[in-house]
Amino acid sequence: MSPSITHVTLAANEASEHRTLIIALFALFVLATLGITIWAGRQTKDAADFYAGGRQFSAFQNGLAVSGDYMSAASFLGIAGAIALFGYDGFLYSIGFLVAWLVALLLVAEPLRNSGRYTMGDVLAYRMRQRPVRTAAGTSTIVVSIFYLLAQMAGAGVLVSLLLGITSDAGKILIVALVGVLMIVYVSIGGMKGTTWVQMVKAVLLIGGTILITFLVLLKFNFNISDLLGSAAENSGKGEAFLEPGLQYGADGTTKLDFISLGIALVLGTAGLPHILIRFYTVPNAKAARKSVNWAIGIIGGFYLMTIALGFGAAALISQEEIIASNPSGNTAAPLLALHLGGVDSAWGAILLATISAVAFATILAVVAGLTLASSSSFAHDIYANVIRKGKATEKEEMRAARWATVLIGVVSIALGALARDLNVAGLVALAFAVAASANLPTILYSLFWKRFTTQGALWSIYGGLIVAVGLVLFSPVVSGDPKAMFPDVDFAWFPLKNPGIISIPFGFLMGWLGTVLSKEEPDAKKYAELEVRSLTGTGAH
């Protein structure tokens, strides 16, 4: 038996020997969060409570919840794995995810909080024809959320499989289904209040767990980061190339283009993510929205700095073969690092593995709840209440529609998550960022800052960006034609890049401009003036 397989077998055995402890920790978190959800559900009286948590959260609370919503399985599992396998190139995910917050802070957070009520569609519908733009906004929100949900489901399947020693595909699919059922329960019962409290608890756990692992990694190398990086480079088998650009994205012109595409998607995507945008509505005013983003930048920035210790620590202490044997995309690098830090054959190693894995599972559940809430809210508020019922639905009917939408989105996510279980979760999230930046961001920015922007421009921008982004993903190596693809045994990939951002994002902006200049519709100057005053000053904001 090869050393890599031996170590993975040891990890699985260690997990199985302490399975009672592992299951107890998982059960404790699930029960605790269900308790929070039920408590919050009892306080959810109307639509403002369900969609926006009654707008009662402080800037710090919302900043913590935003961090909990943003630091997903991609951040904890995917980035650690990407760094462990590709060194410097893997760390680019951390940089991109963090820098993206500047766009959200400077251009989107405050105007959006002032202009909208519950969803992205509220902002667009303020000065345009309600039914078509709400339909488009609702469709885009659901598609982006499902892309993002894929990553969380894949992460859950990988994580619990490692801990419980499940190797069969049926077992992994069952785990994905379990996560889906839990997220349906969280959102249906707790709404935004329950989801926000779960995200705050999860953010504290994740930061705490990451600080612990970072401390233990640095302790192992006497707090000498140079020694850590040197050991990682040597143990990776790639030498100095491991610490330099190009290991993943420098092989040829295509991979270099892929890197540029990924970078654009990461930096511009955050400001268009529906589950992040709706978080700005949970605070009482725009000032609190801006402050909450400042808090989020501080918390998230600290976390992403620590991913250096997670990823390079895994590369330094675990062989590349062992990481790949456990999961081809490196998604289990962080839990394996915890096991090695504690000792592969010790109770302390098993406790650390179980704790970090429970934190990662908490991460997945909290982000999944936020995503499901964003998409079900958009369906109920934009599509059901304002398009199907033409604004005549009662709050009770709207909330019932949101709960049914939660169930439907949960089922779709379970089905797609089962197919994506072997893909790197950071890469999957990058796809969601690309779709969000292609369809949502151009429309939001044009709507807030361009006086001439029309309904046709909004529709062309959303549908154009959405169709091109999703279409290019479908015909990319992510779906077929690659050993790590969703369907590795078939090949219908003609688009060479794994991220469509370099084409789909400029296309979304172009279509918004083209749709507007070719439109015969006269923009409502009075409505734009009202929106401008409201977005900049908060006058008349909900």
Protein backbone atom coordinates (compact mmCIF):
# COMPACT_ATOMS: atom_id res chain seq x y z
CA MET A 1 0.00 0.00 0.00
CA SER A 2 1.45 3.44 -0.94
CA PRO A 3 2.27 5.96 1.85
CA SER A 4 -0.43 8.37 0.62
CA ILE A 5 -3.18 5.76 0.77
CA THR A 6 -1.87 4.60 4.15
CA HIS A 7 -2.18 8.10 5.57
CA VAL A 8 -5.67 8.61 4.17
CA THR A 9 -6.66 5.22 5.57
CA LEU A 10 -5.23 6.30 8.94
CA ALA A 11 -7.27 9.50 8.77
CA ALA A 12 -10.42 7.52 7.99
CA ASN A 13 -9.62 5.01 10.76
CA GLU A 14 -8.94 7.80 13.22
CA ALA A 15 -12.28 9.32 12.32
CA SER A 16 -14.05 5.97 12.67
CA GLU A 17 -12.45 5.22 16.07
CA HIS A 18 -13.78 8.51 17.42
CA ARG A 19 -16.98 8.53 15.40
CA THR A 20 -19.12 8.95 18.52
CA LEU A 21 -17.27 12.17 19.35
CA ILE A 22 -17.56 13.42 15.77
CA ILE A 23 -21.28 12.67 15.52
CA ALA A 24 -21.84 14.25 18.97
CA LEU A 25 -20.14 17.51 17.87
CA PHE A 26 -22.12 17.62 14.62
CA ALA A 27 -25.37 16.86 16.45
CA LEU A 28 -24.61 19.54 19.06
CA PHE A 29 -24.18 22.21 16.41
CA VAL A 30 -27.24 21.15 14.43
CA LEU A 31 -29.42 21.07 17.57
CA ALA A 32 -28.06 24.43 18.78
CA THR A 33 -28.73 26.12 15.44
CA LEU A 34 -32.16 24.52 15.16
CA GLY A 35 -32.90 25.92 18.62
CA ILE A 36 -31.84 29.41 17.48
CA THR A 37 -33.95 29.01 14.32
CA ILE A 38 -37.08 27.97 16.24
CA TRP A 39 -36.58 30.84 18.72
CA ALA A 40 -36.20 33.33 15.85
CA GLY A 41 -39.15 31.78 14.02
CA ARG A 42 -41.43 32.60 16.94
CA GLN A 43 -40.42 36.25 16.63
CA THR A 44 -41.02 36.37 12.88
CA LYS A 45 -44.40 38.07 12.63
CA ASP A 46 -44.48 39.76 9.21
CA ALA A 47 -42.69 40.07 5.87
CA ALA A 48 -40.16 42.64 7.22
CA ASP A 49 -39.14 40.09 9.88
CA PHE A 50 -38.94 37.20 7.39
CA TYR A 51 -37.05 39.06 4.66
CA ALA A 52 -35.00 41.63 6.61
CA GLY A 53 -34.98 40.47 10.25
CA GLY A 54 -37.15 43.45 11.22
CA ARG A 55 -34.17 45.74 10.33
CA GLN A 56 -33.11 45.44 13.98
CA PHE A 57 -29.51 44.25 13.67
CA SER A 58 -26.63 46.57 14.59
CA ALA A 59 -23.72 47.32 12.24
CA PHE A 60 -21.42 44.96 14.16
CA GLN A 61 -24.02 42.16 14.25
CA ASN A 62 -24.67 42.52 10.54
CA GLY A 63 -20.92 42.72 9.80
CA LEU A 64 -20.47 39.45 11.69
CA ALA A 65 -23.41 37.89 9.82
CA VAL A 66 -22.11 39.15 6.45
CA SER A 67 -18.76 37.53 7.31
CA GLY A 68 -20.57 34.32 8.20
CA ASP A 69 -22.47 34.48 4.92
CA TYR A 70 -19.36 35.21 2.85
CA MET A 71 -16.78 32.88 4.41
CA SER A 72 -18.22 29.78 2.82
CA ALA A 73 -17.03 26.23 2.23
CA ALA A 74 -15.05 27.74 -0.65
CA SER A 75 -13.12 29.93 1.77
CA PHE A 76 -12.42 27.32 4.41
CA LEU A 77 -12.12 24.09 2.42
CA GLY A 78 -11.59 25.17 -1.20
CA ILE A 79 -8.94 27.86 -0.69
CA ALA A 80 -6.96 25.75 1.80
CA GLY A 81 -6.99 22.93 -0.79
CA ALA A 82 -6.07 25.22 -3.69
CA ILE A 83 -3.09 26.66 -1.77
CA ALA A 84 -2.00 23.19 -0.59
CA LEU A 85 -1.93 21.93 -4.20
CA PHE A 86 -0.91 25.04 -6.17
CA GLY A 87 0.83 27.33 -3.67
CA TYR A 88 0.90 30.98 -4.75
CA ASP A 89 -1.77 30.51 -7.43
CA GLY A 90 -4.17 29.04 -4.86
CA PHE A 91 -3.74 32.08 -2.61
CA LEU A 92 -5.05 34.30 -5.43
CA TYR A 93 -8.57 33.20 -4.42
CA SER A 94 -8.04 34.76 -0.97
CA ILE A 95 -6.82 38.04 -2.48
CA GLY A 96 -9.70 38.21 -4.98
CA PHE A 97 -12.41 37.44 -2.42
CA LEU A 98 -11.07 40.18 -0.10
CA VAL A 99 -10.44 42.94 -2.66
CA ALA A 100 -13.98 42.42 -3.96
CA TRP A 101 -15.35 44.05 -0.80
CA LEU A 102 -14.00 47.44 -1.88
CA VAL A 103 -16.41 47.43 -4.84
CA ALA A 104 -19.30 46.50 -2.54
CA LEU A 105 -18.34 49.19 -0.01
CA LEU A 106 -17.66 52.06 -2.40
CA LEU A 107 -20.38 51.53 -5.01
CA VAL A 108 -23.22 49.35 -3.73
CA ALA A 109 -23.81 49.01 0.04
CA GLU A 110 -25.16 52.45 0.96
CA PRO A 111 -27.18 53.28 -2.21
CA LEU A 112 -28.72 49.79 -2.22
CA ARG A 113 -29.82 50.02 1.44
CA ASN A 114 -31.43 53.41 0.76
CA SER A 115 -33.12 52.40 -2.50
CA GLY A 116 -34.49 48.92 -1.88
CA ARG A 117 -36.72 47.16 0.56
CA TYR A 118 -36.17 43.38 0.50
CA THR A 119 -34.53 42.31 -2.78
CA MET A 120 -32.36 43.49 -5.68
CA GLY A 121 -35.54 43.69 -7.78
CA ASP A 122 -36.84 46.53 -5.56
CA VAL A 123 -34.01 48.82 -6.74
CA LEU A 124 -34.54 48.07 -10.43
CA ALA A 125 -38.33 48.34 -10.23
CA TYR A 126 -38.19 51.80 -8.63
CA ARG A 127 -37.85 53.65 -11.95
CA MET A 128 -38.62 50.93 -14.51
CA ARG A 129 -41.53 48.71 -15.53
CA GLN A 130 -42.12 46.45 -12.54
CA ARG A 131 -43.15 43.12 -13.98
CA PRO A 132 -40.40 42.50 -16.58
CA VAL A 133 -37.49 43.72 -14.40
CA ARG A 134 -38.71 41.86 -11.31
CA THR A 135 -39.02 38.66 -13.36
CA ALA A 136 -35.48 39.13 -14.66
CA ALA A 137 -34.06 39.99 -11.22
CA GLY A 138 -35.81 37.01 -9.63
CA THR A 139 -34.54 34.63 -12.33
CA SER A 140 -30.97 35.90 -12.02
CA THR A 141 -31.03 35.69 -8.21
CA ILE A 142 -32.21 32.07 -8.27
CA VAL A 143 -29.60 31.01 -10.89
CA VAL A 144 -26.67 32.68 -9.05
CA SER A 145 -27.83 31.23 -5.72
CA ILE A 146 -28.04 27.71 -7.16
CA PHE A 147 -24.49 27.99 -8.59
CA TYR A 148 -23.25 29.05 -5.16
CA LEU A 149 -25.28 26.32 -3.45
CA LEU A 150 -23.51 23.72 -5.62
CA ALA A 151 -20.22 24.55 -3.91
CA GLN A 152 -21.67 24.25 -0.41
CA MET A 153 -23.34 20.93 -1.19
CA ALA A 154 -20.14 19.57 -2.72
CA GLY A 155 -18.21 20.68 0.37
CA ALA A 156 -20.70 19.00 2.72
CA GLY A 157 -20.51 15.71 0.84
CA VAL A 158 -16.71 15.66 0.90
CA LEU A 159 -16.43 16.66 4.54
CA VAL A 160 -18.90 14.25 6.11
CA SER A 161 -17.71 11.42 3.86
CA LEU A 162 -14.16 11.85 5.21
CA LEU A 163 -15.35 11.84 8.81
CA LEU A 164 -17.79 8.98 8.63
CA GLY A 165 -15.69 6.88 6.28
CA ILE A 166 -18.35 6.93 3.56
CA THR A 167 -16.85 6.08 0.18
CA SER A 168 -19.89 5.08 -1.87
CA ASP A 169 -21.53 7.58 -4.20
CA ALA A 170 -24.93 6.75 -2.72
CA GLY A 171 -23.67 7.64 0.76
CA LYS A 172 -22.27 10.98 -0.43
CA ILE A 173 -25.54 11.83 -2.19
CA LEU A 174 -27.41 11.01 1.02
CA ILE A 175 -25.22 13.53 2.91
CA VAL A 176 -25.95 16.21 0.30
CA ALA A 177 -29.68 15.46 0.71
CA LEU A 178 -29.39 15.79 4.50
CA VAL A 179 -27.80 19.25 4.19
CA GLY A 180 -30.57 20.23 1.78
CA VAL A 181 -33.28 19.17 4.22
CA LEU A 182 -31.61 21.09 7.07
CA MET A 183 -31.40 24.28 5.00
CA ILE A 184 -35.09 24.01 4.07
CA VAL A 185 -35.97 23.74 7.77
CA TYR A 186 -33.73 26.69 8.76
CA VAL A 187 -35.14 29.10 6.20
CA SER A 188 -38.79 27.98 6.38
CA ILE A 189 -38.93 28.35 10.17
CA GLY A 190 -36.45 31.11 11.01
CA GLY A 191 -36.48 33.45 8.01
CA MET A 192 -33.86 36.23 8.05
CA LYS A 193 -33.76 36.48 11.85
CA GLY A 194 -32.92 32.80 12.32
CA THR A 195 -30.49 32.80 9.41
CA THR A 196 -28.67 35.91 10.70
CA TRP A 197 -28.17 34.49 14.20
CA VAL A 198 -26.94 31.18 12.75
CA GLN A 199 -24.47 33.12 10.56
CA MET A 200 -23.18 35.12 13.54
CA VAL A 201 -22.60 31.97 15.60
CA LYS A 202 -20.90 30.30 12.63
CA ALA A 203 -18.61 33.32 12.01
CA VAL A 204 -17.39 33.22 15.62
CA LEU A 205 -16.80 29.45 15.41
CA LEU A 206 -14.98 29.70 12.07
CA ILE A 207 -12.70 32.54 13.15
CA GLY A 208 -12.00 30.74 16.44
CA GLY A 209 -11.21 27.44 14.68
CA THR A 210 -8.99 29.17 12.10
CA ILE A 211 -7.07 31.09 14.79
CA LEU A 212 -6.47 27.79 16.62
CA ILE A 213 -5.14 26.00 13.52
CA THR A 214 -3.04 29.05 12.52
CA PHE A 215 -1.50 29.18 16.01
CA LEU A 216 -0.69 25.45 15.96
CA VAL A 217 0.85 25.65 12.46
CA LEU A 218 3.02 28.65 13.39
CA LEU A 219 3.98 26.96 16.66
CA LYS A 220 5.19 23.98 14.63
CA PHE A 221 7.56 26.31 12.74
CA ASN A 222 8.52 28.49 15.76
CA PHE A 223 6.44 31.36 14.34
CA ASN A 224 8.83 31.67 11.42
CA ILE A 225 6.74 32.17 8.25
CA SER A 226 9.82 31.82 6.06
CA ASP A 227 10.43 28.31 7.47
CA LEU A 228 6.75 27.46 6.89
CA LEU A 229 6.86 28.56 3.23
CA GLY A 230 10.22 26.86 2.67
CA SER A 231 8.94 23.57 4.11
CA ALA A 232 5.76 23.83 2.03
CA ALA A 233 7.77 24.37 -1.17
CA GLU A 234 10.09 21.44 -0.37
CA ASN A 235 7.34 19.03 0.71
CA SER A 236 5.20 19.87 -2.32
CA GLY A 237 7.87 18.41 -4.58
CA LYS A 238 7.70 21.52 -6.79
CA GLY A 239 10.44 23.57 -5.10
CA GLU A 240 10.55 27.35 -5.57
CA ALA A 241 7.88 27.15 -8.29
CA PHE A 242 5.36 26.45 -5.50
CA LEU A 243 5.89 29.97 -4.11
CA GLU A 244 5.83 31.72 -7.49
CA PRO A 245 3.00 32.59 -9.89
CA GLY A 246 2.20 30.18 -12.69
CA LEU A 247 1.92 26.71 -11.19
CA GLN A 248 -1.83 26.51 -11.98
CA TYR A 249 -2.35 29.49 -14.27
CA GLY A 250 0.97 29.89 -16.11
CA ALA A 251 1.28 26.74 -18.18
CA ASP A 252 0.16 28.38 -21.43
CA GLY A 253 -1.84 31.27 -22.85
CA THR A 254 -5.16 29.61 -22.03
CA THR A 255 -4.41 29.21 -18.33
CA LYS A 256 -3.11 32.78 -18.14
CA LEU A 257 -6.37 34.00 -19.66
CA ASP A 258 -8.23 31.78 -17.20
CA PHE A 259 -6.43 33.55 -14.37
CA ILE A 260 -7.41 37.01 -15.65
CA SER A 261 -10.99 35.76 -16.07
CA LEU A 262 -11.02 34.39 -12.52
CA GLY A 263 -9.58 37.62 -11.09
CA ILE A 264 -12.21 39.80 -12.80
CA ALA A 265 -15.00 37.50 -11.59
CA LEU A 266 -13.77 37.46 -7.98
CA VAL A 267 -13.27 41.22 -7.73
CA LEU A 268 -16.56 42.23 -9.35
CA GLY A 269 -18.75 39.32 -8.24
CA THR A 270 -19.32 40.14 -4.56
CA ALA A 271 -21.25 43.34 -5.31
CA GLY A 272 -23.73 41.28 -7.36
CA LEU A 273 -24.24 38.30 -5.04
CA PRO A 274 -27.92 38.18 -3.99
CA HIS A 275 -27.34 36.67 -0.53
CA ILE A 276 -24.83 39.45 0.26
CA LEU A 277 -27.01 42.23 -1.18
CA ILE A 278 -30.05 41.33 0.96
CA ARG A 279 -27.90 41.55 4.11
CA PHE A 280 -27.77 45.35 3.66
CA TYR A 281 -31.53 45.48 4.30
CA THR A 282 -31.28 44.00 7.82
CA VAL A 283 -29.81 47.18 9.35
CA PRO A 284 -31.86 50.27 10.27
CA ASN A 285 -30.16 52.73 7.88
CA ALA A 286 -27.47 53.27 5.25
CA LYS A 287 -24.87 54.42 7.77
CA ALA A 288 -25.20 51.07 9.55
CA ALA A 289 -24.96 49.28 6.17
CA ARG A 290 -21.67 51.02 5.44
CA LYS A 291 -20.33 50.32 8.93
CA SER A 292 -21.34 46.68 8.68
CA VAL A 293 -19.27 46.37 5.48
CA ASN A 294 -16.30 47.92 7.32
CA TRP A 295 -16.68 45.32 10.09
CA ALA A 296 -16.99 42.57 7.48
CA ILE A 297 -13.81 43.71 5.69
CA GLY A 298 -11.87 43.57 8.99
CA ILE A 299 -13.17 40.12 9.98
CA ILE A 300 -12.90 38.63 6.48
CA GLY A 301 -9.47 40.20 5.93
CA GLY A 302 -8.13 38.59 9.10
CA PHE A 303 -9.56 35.24 8.04
CA TYR A 304 -8.06 35.35 4.53
CA LEU A 305 -4.63 36.22 5.95
CA MET A 306 -4.88 33.05 8.04
CA THR A 307 -5.59 30.95 4.94
CA ILE A 308 -1.81 31.27 4.32
CA ALA A 309 -1.26 29.12 7.42
CA LEU A 310 -4.08 26.72 6.47
CA GLY A 311 -2.95 26.11 2.89
CA PHE A 312 0.83 26.29 3.21
CA GLY A 313 0.62 24.44 6.55
CA ALA A 314 -1.18 21.58 4.80
CA ALA A 315 1.43 21.62 2.00
CA ALA A 316 4.28 21.57 4.54
CA LEU A 317 2.93 18.82 6.81
CA ILE A 318 0.99 16.54 4.44
CA SER A 319 2.17 14.97 1.19
CA GLN A 320 0.54 16.05 -2.08
CA GLU A 321 -0.37 12.40 -2.74
CA GLU A 322 -2.27 12.15 0.54
CA ILE A 323 -4.26 15.33 -0.09
CA ILE A 324 -5.17 14.23 -3.63
CA ALA A 325 -5.98 10.66 -2.51
CA SER A 326 -8.40 12.05 0.07
CA ASN A 327 -10.04 14.41 -2.45
CA PRO A 328 -8.78 15.11 -5.99
CA SER A 329 -9.51 18.85 -5.68
CA GLY A 330 -7.93 19.25 -2.23
CA ASN A 331 -11.17 20.05 -0.41
CA THR A 332 -10.16 18.01 2.66
CA ALA A 333 -6.75 19.68 3.18
CA ALA A 334 -7.93 21.75 6.19
CA PRO A 335 -9.48 18.82 8.14
CA LEU A 336 -6.43 16.64 7.32
CA LEU A 337 -4.16 19.44 8.58
CA ALA A 338 -6.08 19.48 11.88
CA LEU A 339 -5.60 15.71 12.19
CA HIS A 340 -1.85 15.94 11.52
CA LEU A 341 -1.37 18.83 13.93
CA GLY A 342 -2.99 16.85 16.72
CA GLY A 343 -1.32 13.58 15.80
CA VAL A 344 -2.66 11.06 13.28
CA ASP A 345 -2.87 8.26 15.83
CA SER A 346 -3.88 10.29 18.91
CA ALA A 347 -7.16 11.22 20.60
CA TRP A 348 -6.12 14.91 20.41
CA GLY A 349 -5.82 14.55 16.62
CA ALA A 350 -9.30 13.06 16.42
CA ILE A 351 -10.74 15.83 18.64
CA LEU A 352 -9.10 18.52 16.49
CA LEU A 353 -10.29 16.84 13.29
CA ALA A 354 -13.85 16.57 14.63
CA THR A 355 -13.87 20.18 15.88
CA ILE A 356 -12.56 21.71 12.65
CA SER A 357 -14.89 19.53 10.58
CA ALA A 358 -17.87 20.54 12.73
CA VAL A 359 -16.88 24.20 12.19
CA ALA A 360 -16.66 23.59 8.43
CA PHE A 361 -20.07 21.91 8.51
CA ALA A 362 -21.43 24.90 10.44
CA THR A 363 -19.98 27.11 7.70
CA ILE A 364 -21.80 25.16 5.02
CA LEU A 365 -25.18 25.18 6.81
CA ALA A 366 -25.06 28.92 7.53
CA VAL A 367 -24.13 29.90 3.96
CA VAL A 368 -26.66 27.48 2.50
CA ALA A 369 -29.39 29.06 4.65
CA GLY A 370 -28.42 32.56 3.44
CA LEU A 371 -28.42 31.53 -0.21
CA THR A 372 -31.74 29.73 0.04
CA LEU A 373 -33.31 32.73 1.79
CA ALA A 374 -32.05 35.10 -0.94
CA SER A 375 -33.50 33.00 -3.77
CA SER A 376 -36.81 32.13 -2.06
CA SER A 377 -37.29 35.80 -1.04
CA SER A 378 -36.70 36.94 -4.58
CA PHE A 379 -39.18 34.40 -5.95
CA ALA A 380 -41.87 35.27 -3.39
CA HIS A 381 -41.41 39.06 -3.35
CA ASP A 382 -40.45 39.77 -6.97
CA ILE A 383 -42.03 37.00 -9.05
CA TYR A 384 -45.02 35.78 -6.99
CA ALA A 385 -46.21 38.94 -5.23
CA ASN A 386 -45.41 41.58 -7.88
CA VAL A 387 -45.57 39.66 -11.18
CA ILE A 388 -47.99 36.75 -10.74
CA ARG A 389 -50.30 38.46 -8.19
CA LYS A 390 -49.63 42.00 -9.54
CA GLY A 391 -49.01 43.44 -6.08
CA LYS A 392 -52.27 42.08 -4.62
CA ALA A 393 -50.79 39.26 -2.50
CA THR A 394 -51.07 39.56 1.26
CA GLU A 395 -47.94 39.30 3.44
CA LYS A 396 -49.14 35.91 4.65
CA GLU A 397 -49.50 34.61 1.07
CA GLU A 398 -46.09 36.04 0.15
CA MET A 399 -44.38 34.31 3.08
CA ARG A 400 -46.13 31.03 2.23
CA ALA A 401 -44.82 31.32 -1.34
CA ALA A 402 -41.31 31.94 0.03
CA ARG A 403 -41.48 28.74 2.09
CA TRP A 404 -42.65 26.65 -0.90
CA ALA A 405 -39.89 28.22 -3.02
CA THR A 406 -37.40 27.18 -0.32
CA VAL A 407 -38.48 23.56 -0.70
CA LEU A 408 -38.23 23.66 -4.50
CA ILE A 409 -34.79 25.35 -4.51
CA GLY A 410 -33.63 22.83 -1.90
CA VAL A 411 -34.62 19.91 -4.12
CA VAL A 412 -32.87 21.39 -7.19
CA SER A 413 -29.72 22.12 -5.15
CA ILE A 414 -29.62 18.56 -3.79
CA ALA A 415 -29.84 17.12 -7.31
CA LEU A 416 -27.10 19.39 -8.75
CA GLY A 417 -24.92 19.17 -5.62
CA ALA A 418 -24.83 15.38 -5.99
CA LEU A 419 -23.35 15.81 -9.49
CA ALA A 420 -20.75 18.40 -8.36
CA ARG A 421 -19.44 16.47 -5.34
CA ASP A 422 -15.90 15.96 -6.75
CA LEU A 423 -15.25 19.52 -7.99
CA ASN A 424 -13.12 22.07 -6.09
CA VAL A 425 -15.55 24.20 -4.11
CA ALA A 426 -13.51 27.41 -4.53
CA GLY A 427 -13.72 26.98 -8.32
CA LEU A 428 -17.48 26.41 -8.14
CA VAL A 429 -17.98 29.58 -6.10
CA ALA A 430 -15.88 31.51 -8.62
CA LEU A 431 -18.46 30.49 -11.25
CA ALA A 432 -21.24 31.96 -9.10
CA PHE A 433 -19.20 35.18 -8.82
CA ALA A 434 -18.84 35.29 -12.61
CA VAL A 435 -22.58 34.86 -13.19
CA ALA A 436 -23.40 37.49 -10.51
CA ALA A 437 -20.93 39.99 -11.99
CA SER A 438 -22.25 39.36 -15.53
CA ALA A 439 -25.99 39.62 -14.86
CA ASN A 440 -26.54 41.58 -11.62
CA LEU A 441 -23.71 44.07 -11.21
CA PRO A 442 -24.08 45.94 -14.55
CA THR A 443 -27.82 46.34 -13.99
CA ILE A 444 -27.43 47.58 -10.40
CA LEU A 445 -24.72 50.12 -11.31
CA TYR A 446 -26.53 51.39 -14.40
CA SER A 447 -29.78 51.69 -12.47
CA LEU A 448 -28.20 53.64 -9.62
CA PHE A 449 -25.85 55.89 -11.61
CA TRP A 450 -27.02 56.22 -15.26
CA LYS A 451 -29.89 58.61 -15.89
CA ARG A 452 -30.71 57.27 -19.39
CA PHE A 453 -30.90 53.61 -18.35
CA THR A 454 -34.19 51.98 -19.43
CA THR A 455 -36.21 48.83 -18.80
CA GLN A 456 -34.97 47.32 -22.08
CA GLY A 457 -31.37 48.00 -21.01
CA ALA A 458 -31.98 46.25 -17.69
CA LEU A 459 -33.53 43.20 -19.37
CA TRP A 460 -30.80 42.91 -22.00
CA SER A 461 -28.13 43.29 -19.33
CA ILE A 462 -29.56 40.67 -16.95
CA TYR A 463 -30.61 38.07 -19.51
CA GLY A 464 -27.62 38.71 -21.79
CA GLY A 465 -25.06 38.39 -19.00
CA LEU A 466 -26.88 35.42 -17.48
CA ILE A 467 -27.28 33.43 -20.71
CA VAL A 468 -23.69 34.00 -21.88
CA ALA A 469 -22.16 33.23 -18.45
CA VAL A 470 -24.20 30.07 -17.87
CA GLY A 471 -23.85 28.99 -21.53
CA LEU A 472 -20.05 29.28 -21.47
CA VAL A 473 -19.90 27.34 -18.18
CA LEU A 474 -22.00 24.52 -19.69
CA PHE A 475 -19.57 24.19 -22.60
CA SER A 476 -16.42 24.58 -20.48
CA PRO A 477 -14.05 22.00 -18.92
CA VAL A 478 -15.96 22.44 -15.63
CA VAL A 479 -18.87 20.39 -16.99
CA SER A 480 -17.21 17.98 -19.45
CA GLY A 481 -13.97 17.01 -21.17
CA ASP A 482 -11.80 16.99 -18.04
CA PRO A 483 -11.02 14.25 -15.46
CA LYS A 484 -12.32 16.57 -12.69
CA ALA A 485 -15.40 17.73 -14.63
CA MET A 486 -19.00 17.19 -13.57
CA PHE A 487 -19.36 14.67 -16.40
CA PRO A 488 -15.79 13.38 -16.93
CA ASP A 489 -16.75 10.60 -19.36
CA VAL A 490 -18.17 12.86 -22.07
CA ASP A 491 -16.70 15.83 -23.91
CA PHE A 492 -18.80 18.64 -25.34
CA ALA A 493 -16.51 21.45 -24.08
CA TRP A 494 -15.59 23.94 -26.81
CA PHE A 495 -14.98 26.95 -24.52
CA PRO A 496 -11.40 26.50 -23.21
CA LEU A 497 -11.59 28.59 -20.00
CA LYS A 498 -12.91 27.32 -16.65
CA ASN A 499 -14.25 30.77 -15.74
CA PRO A 500 -16.35 32.78 -18.23
CA GLY A 501 -15.89 36.20 -16.54
CA ILE A 502 -13.49 37.72 -19.08
CA ILE A 503 -16.19 37.46 -21.77
CA SER A 504 -19.52 37.38 -19.91
CA ILE A 505 -18.92 40.39 -17.59
CA PRO A 506 -18.05 42.93 -20.33
CA PHE A 507 -20.90 41.40 -22.38
CA GLY A 508 -23.37 42.13 -19.52
CA PHE A 509 -22.25 45.78 -19.39
CA LEU A 510 -22.31 46.04 -23.20
CA MET A 511 -25.85 44.64 -23.44
CA GLY A 512 -27.10 47.06 -20.77
CA TRP A 513 -25.69 49.99 -22.75
CA LEU A 514 -26.85 48.65 -26.14
CA GLY A 515 -30.36 47.84 -24.89
CA THR A 516 -30.67 51.39 -23.56
CA VAL A 517 -29.39 53.28 -26.62
CA LEU A 518 -31.59 51.17 -28.95
CA SER A 519 -34.64 51.57 -26.73
CA LYS A 520 -37.51 53.78 -27.85
CA GLU A 521 -38.61 54.16 -24.23
CA GLU A 522 -38.11 57.59 -22.67
CA PRO A 523 -36.46 57.23 -19.23
CA ASP A 524 -38.43 58.80 -16.38
CA ALA A 525 -36.19 61.73 -15.35
CA LYS A 526 -38.33 62.51 -12.31
CA LYS A 527 -38.12 58.95 -11.01
CA TYR A 528 -34.33 58.91 -11.52
CA ALA A 529 -33.99 62.19 -9.60
CA GLU A 530 -36.03 60.69 -6.76
CA LEU A 531 -33.90 57.53 -6.79
CA GLU A 532 -30.69 59.58 -6.84
CA VAL A 533 -31.72 61.65 -3.82
CA ARG A 534 -32.95 58.57 -1.99
CA SER A 535 -29.87 56.45 -2.74
CA LEU A 536 -27.43 59.18 -1.69
CA THR A 537 -29.27 60.65 1.31
CA GLY A 538 -31.63 57.94 2.55
CA THR A 539 -34.67 60.24 2.32
CA GLY A 540 -37.78 58.05 2.09
CA ALA A 541 -35.84 54.81 2.63
CA HIS A 542 -37.72 51.92 4.26
